[in-house]
Amino acid sequence: MLKFDLLFFFSFFYIGFLMSQNPTKLIYFGDPMCSWCYGFSPELSKTVANLGNDIPIEIVMGGLRPYNQQKMIELKSFLTDHWQEVNHRSHQKFSYGILNDENIAYDTEPPSRALVIIRELCPGDELTFFKNLQKQFYVENKNMNLLESYYELIEGLGISKEEFAKQFNSEEYKLKVKEDFARSSSMGVRSFPTLLLQKGDELFLIAQGYLEAEKVINSIKAKL
């Protein structure tokens, strides 16, 4: 009888362990300098607030234009059209002055790397940090290639400027953000934002592109 009880206990524990490897969660693929991700940001926040702590969210950096060397002014016409469309749809605020800059490269790797640092060193703060990154670029028009552009954003997160700078410049996190980009690509994510629901071993596409929070929430709850 004792052997049976022990076997049942360990079998139950093992099954529970396997199930815990793929818990129900949202997986968000985005980029801090993706305008549609910025437009979707309030809808994502409403979704997360509605779900509470029941369904955690994992943020993965998709890699919109990592390592791109084109200057903002070279992309002015293209980006202006996109930003105005996002503004019209989402009512998110944009400042357009940065589009006249001849020196700032539209490289989305540095802010993506910063997000990976906060995701690992300050778990639980990454969604707020992601939103603040977006505001820093789209509203404040800060150059996100510069280390000092992040110092204001890490205040209150429990990480010093020195520690952040060390990690930001490290090869470790330059490789880790590449792993995010590779994961996004390997999962077939080609546009941002993309929101998936993982339920056990199943993955469900919830949103690809801008979508109102009510529709997102209803789609999630229909899959639960």
Protein backbone atom coordinates (compact mmCIF):
# COMPACT_ATOMS: atom_id res chain seq x y z
CA MET A 1 0.00 0.00 0.00
CA LEU A 2 2.83 2.35 0.85
CA LYS A 3 4.50 1.66 -2.50
CA PHE A 4 1.27 2.41 -4.35
CA ASP A 5 0.80 5.65 -2.43
CA LEU A 6 4.35 6.74 -3.17
CA LEU A 7 4.03 5.81 -6.84
CA PHE A 8 0.76 7.75 -7.10
CA PHE A 9 2.30 10.75 -5.37
CA PHE A 10 5.36 10.89 -7.61
CA SER A 11 3.29 10.26 -10.75
CA PHE A 12 0.96 13.10 -9.80
CA PHE A 13 3.90 15.36 -9.03
CA TYR A 14 5.61 14.51 -12.33
CA ILE A 15 2.48 15.18 -14.40
CA GLY A 16 2.02 18.49 -12.59
CA PHE A 17 5.65 19.33 -13.26
CA LEU A 18 5.25 18.65 -16.98
CA MET A 19 2.13 20.77 -17.17
CA SER A 20 3.88 23.60 -15.36
CA GLN A 21 6.46 23.77 -18.15
CA ASN A 22 3.83 25.22 -20.49
CA PRO A 23 1.55 27.34 -18.32
CA THR A 24 -1.17 29.53 -19.76
CA LYS A 25 0.31 32.89 -20.64
CA LEU A 26 0.33 35.65 -23.23
CA ILE A 27 3.39 36.07 -25.44
CA TYR A 28 3.78 39.54 -26.89
CA PHE A 29 6.16 40.14 -29.78
CA GLY A 30 6.96 43.80 -30.28
CA ASP A 31 9.59 46.46 -30.78
CA PRO A 32 9.95 49.73 -28.82
CA MET A 33 10.36 51.70 -32.06
CA CYS A 34 7.48 50.03 -33.90
CA SER A 35 4.75 52.64 -34.40
CA TRP A 36 1.89 50.12 -34.44
CA CYS A 37 3.24 48.62 -31.21
CA TYR A 38 3.09 52.13 -29.75
CA GLY A 39 -0.47 52.53 -30.99
CA PHE A 40 -1.43 49.16 -29.53
CA SER A 41 0.22 49.87 -26.17
CA PRO A 42 -2.88 51.31 -24.39
CA GLU A 43 -4.99 48.39 -25.65
CA LEU A 44 -2.42 45.92 -24.36
CA SER A 45 -2.39 47.66 -20.97
CA LYS A 46 -6.19 47.48 -20.77
CA THR A 47 -6.03 43.80 -21.65
CA VAL A 48 -3.45 43.01 -18.99
CA ALA A 49 -5.40 45.02 -16.39
CA ASN A 50 -8.61 43.15 -17.26
CA LEU A 51 -6.98 39.75 -16.93
CA GLY A 52 -5.28 40.68 -13.67
CA ASN A 53 -2.79 38.14 -12.36
CA ASP A 54 -4.59 35.18 -13.88
CA ILE A 55 -2.62 35.19 -17.11
CA PRO A 56 0.99 36.45 -17.06
CA ILE A 57 2.51 38.13 -20.09
CA GLU A 58 5.93 37.50 -21.59
CA ILE A 59 7.43 40.24 -23.76
CA VAL A 60 9.70 39.13 -26.60
CA MET A 61 11.65 41.55 -28.77
CA GLY A 62 10.77 40.88 -32.39
CA GLY A 63 13.44 42.94 -34.11
CA LEU A 64 11.81 45.47 -36.41
CA ARG A 65 14.94 47.15 -37.82
CA PRO A 66 17.87 46.00 -35.68
CA TYR A 67 21.30 47.25 -36.73
CA ASN A 68 19.72 49.52 -39.35
CA GLN A 69 21.96 52.45 -40.33
CA GLN A 70 19.43 54.57 -42.24
CA LYS A 71 19.05 58.02 -40.73
CA MET A 72 15.70 59.31 -39.54
CA ILE A 73 15.57 61.95 -42.25
CA GLU A 74 16.06 59.29 -44.93
CA LEU A 75 12.89 57.58 -43.71
CA LYS A 76 10.96 60.78 -43.05
CA SER A 77 8.28 60.35 -45.72
CA PHE A 78 7.75 56.66 -45.01
CA LEU A 79 7.59 57.07 -41.23
CA THR A 80 5.44 60.20 -41.35
CA ASP A 81 2.73 58.31 -43.24
CA HIS A 82 2.84 55.42 -40.77
CA TRP A 83 2.89 57.62 -37.69
CA GLN A 84 -0.04 59.68 -38.89
CA GLU A 85 -2.03 56.54 -39.61
CA VAL A 86 -1.29 55.16 -36.14
CA ASN A 87 -2.21 58.50 -34.57
CA HIS A 88 -5.51 58.55 -36.47
CA ARG A 89 -6.38 55.01 -35.38
CA SER A 90 -5.11 54.97 -31.80
CA HIS A 91 -4.97 58.69 -30.87
CA GLN A 92 -1.49 58.16 -29.46
CA LYS A 93 0.61 61.32 -29.39
CA PHE A 94 3.54 61.71 -31.78
CA SER A 95 6.28 64.32 -32.07
CA TYR A 96 7.69 64.56 -35.58
CA GLY A 97 10.82 66.64 -35.03
CA ILE A 98 13.15 63.64 -34.86
CA LEU A 99 12.28 62.80 -38.46
CA ASN A 100 14.38 65.78 -39.56
CA ASP A 101 17.50 64.48 -37.84
CA GLU A 102 20.38 63.69 -40.19
CA ASN A 103 22.50 61.91 -37.55
CA ILE A 104 20.22 59.54 -35.64
CA ALA A 105 20.03 56.05 -37.11
CA TYR A 106 16.68 54.23 -36.98
CA ASP A 107 18.25 51.25 -35.21
CA THR A 108 15.79 49.36 -33.02
CA GLU A 109 18.37 47.03 -31.43
CA PRO A 110 19.52 49.28 -28.55
CA PRO A 111 16.05 49.83 -26.97
CA SER A 112 15.25 46.15 -27.53
CA ARG A 113 18.46 45.26 -25.68
CA ALA A 114 17.48 47.62 -22.86
CA LEU A 115 14.12 45.87 -22.53
CA VAL A 116 15.80 42.45 -22.28
CA ILE A 117 18.00 43.79 -19.47
CA ILE A 118 15.00 45.06 -17.50
CA ARG A 119 13.05 41.86 -18.20
CA GLU A 120 15.81 39.83 -16.58
CA LEU A 121 17.04 42.12 -13.82
CA CYS A 122 13.73 43.78 -12.87
CA PRO A 123 11.05 41.13 -13.56
CA GLY A 124 7.56 42.54 -13.39
CA ASP A 125 8.62 45.99 -14.58
CA GLU A 126 9.19 45.19 -18.25
CA LEU A 127 5.73 46.19 -19.55
CA THR A 128 5.89 49.60 -17.88
CA PHE A 129 9.48 50.04 -19.08
CA PHE A 130 8.42 49.09 -22.61
CA LYS A 131 5.70 51.77 -22.59
CA ASN A 132 8.14 54.34 -21.22
CA LEU A 133 10.63 53.45 -23.95
CA GLN A 134 7.96 54.14 -26.54
CA LYS A 135 7.11 57.50 -25.01
CA GLN A 136 10.79 58.43 -24.82
CA PHE A 137 11.12 57.90 -28.57
CA TYR A 138 7.76 58.92 -30.00
CA VAL A 139 6.89 61.83 -27.71
CA GLU A 140 10.22 63.02 -26.31
CA ASN A 141 12.11 62.24 -29.54
CA LYS A 142 15.15 60.96 -27.64
CA ASN A 143 18.00 59.25 -29.44
CA MET A 144 17.62 55.65 -28.24
CA ASN A 145 21.11 54.77 -29.49
CA LEU A 146 22.54 56.74 -26.57
CA LEU A 147 23.03 55.15 -23.16
CA GLU A 148 22.01 58.32 -21.31
CA SER A 149 18.55 58.22 -22.92
CA TYR A 150 17.73 55.32 -20.59
CA TYR A 151 18.84 56.74 -17.27
CA GLU A 152 15.58 58.52 -16.54
CA LEU A 153 13.63 55.36 -17.41
CA ILE A 154 15.40 53.13 -14.89
CA GLU A 155 14.78 55.41 -11.91
CA GLY A 156 12.88 53.53 -9.23
CA LEU A 157 13.50 50.12 -10.77
CA GLY A 158 16.21 49.08 -8.34
CA ILE A 159 19.04 49.10 -10.87
CA SER A 160 21.79 51.70 -10.77
CA LYS A 161 23.04 53.67 -13.76
CA GLU A 162 26.40 51.92 -13.40
CA GLU A 163 24.87 48.44 -13.45
CA PHE A 164 22.58 49.27 -16.36
CA ALA A 165 25.47 50.75 -18.36
CA LYS A 166 27.59 47.67 -17.67
CA GLN A 167 24.89 45.33 -18.96
CA PHE A 168 23.87 47.60 -21.85
CA ASN A 169 27.41 47.55 -23.19
CA SER A 170 28.02 43.87 -22.48
CA GLU A 171 28.36 41.18 -25.13
CA GLU A 172 26.07 39.03 -22.98
CA TYR A 173 23.01 41.18 -23.59
CA LYS A 174 23.91 41.88 -27.20
CA LEU A 175 23.67 38.11 -27.66
CA LYS A 176 20.54 37.76 -25.55
CA VAL A 177 18.58 40.25 -27.62
CA LYS A 178 19.64 38.33 -30.73
CA GLU A 179 18.09 35.26 -29.12
CA ASP A 180 14.82 37.17 -28.86
CA PHE A 181 14.99 38.10 -32.54
CA ALA A 182 15.75 34.48 -33.46
CA ARG A 183 12.88 33.19 -31.35
CA SER A 184 10.47 35.58 -33.02
CA SER A 185 11.65 34.48 -36.46
CA SER A 186 11.56 30.76 -35.61
CA MET A 187 7.96 31.08 -34.45
CA GLY A 188 6.98 32.63 -37.75
CA VAL A 189 6.28 36.10 -36.37
CA ARG A 190 6.83 38.54 -39.21
CA SER A 191 4.87 41.63 -38.15
CA PHE A 192 4.50 43.59 -34.94
CA PRO A 193 2.69 43.74 -32.67
CA THR A 194 1.75 40.07 -32.47
CA LEU A 195 0.02 38.64 -29.42
CA LEU A 196 -0.22 34.90 -28.83
CA LEU A 197 -1.96 32.89 -26.13
CA GLN A 198 -0.11 29.83 -24.95
CA LYS A 199 -2.35 27.23 -23.34
CA GLY A 200 -0.44 24.10 -22.48
CA ASP A 201 1.19 22.94 -25.70
CA GLU A 202 -1.16 24.99 -27.88
CA LEU A 203 -0.57 28.44 -29.30
CA PHE A 204 -3.39 30.72 -30.44
CA LEU A 205 -3.02 33.92 -32.48
CA ILE A 206 -4.91 36.62 -30.60
CA ALA A 207 -3.86 39.79 -32.41
CA GLN A 208 -1.60 40.74 -35.26
CA GLY A 209 -1.40 44.47 -35.66
CA TYR A 210 -3.58 47.03 -33.92
CA LEU A 211 -6.73 45.71 -32.24
CA GLU A 212 -9.02 47.24 -29.62
CA ALA A 213 -8.72 45.83 -26.09
CA GLU A 214 -12.32 44.60 -25.99
CA LYS A 215 -11.75 42.39 -29.02
CA VAL A 216 -8.43 41.16 -27.65
CA ILE A 217 -9.97 40.26 -24.29
CA ASN A 218 -12.91 38.48 -25.89
CA SER A 219 -10.59 36.49 -28.13
CA ILE A 220 -8.46 35.42 -25.17
CA LYS A 221 -11.42 34.39 -23.02
CA ALA A 222 -12.91 32.41 -25.92
CA LYS A 223 -9.76 30.25 -25.94
CA LEU A 224 -9.59 29.64 -22.20
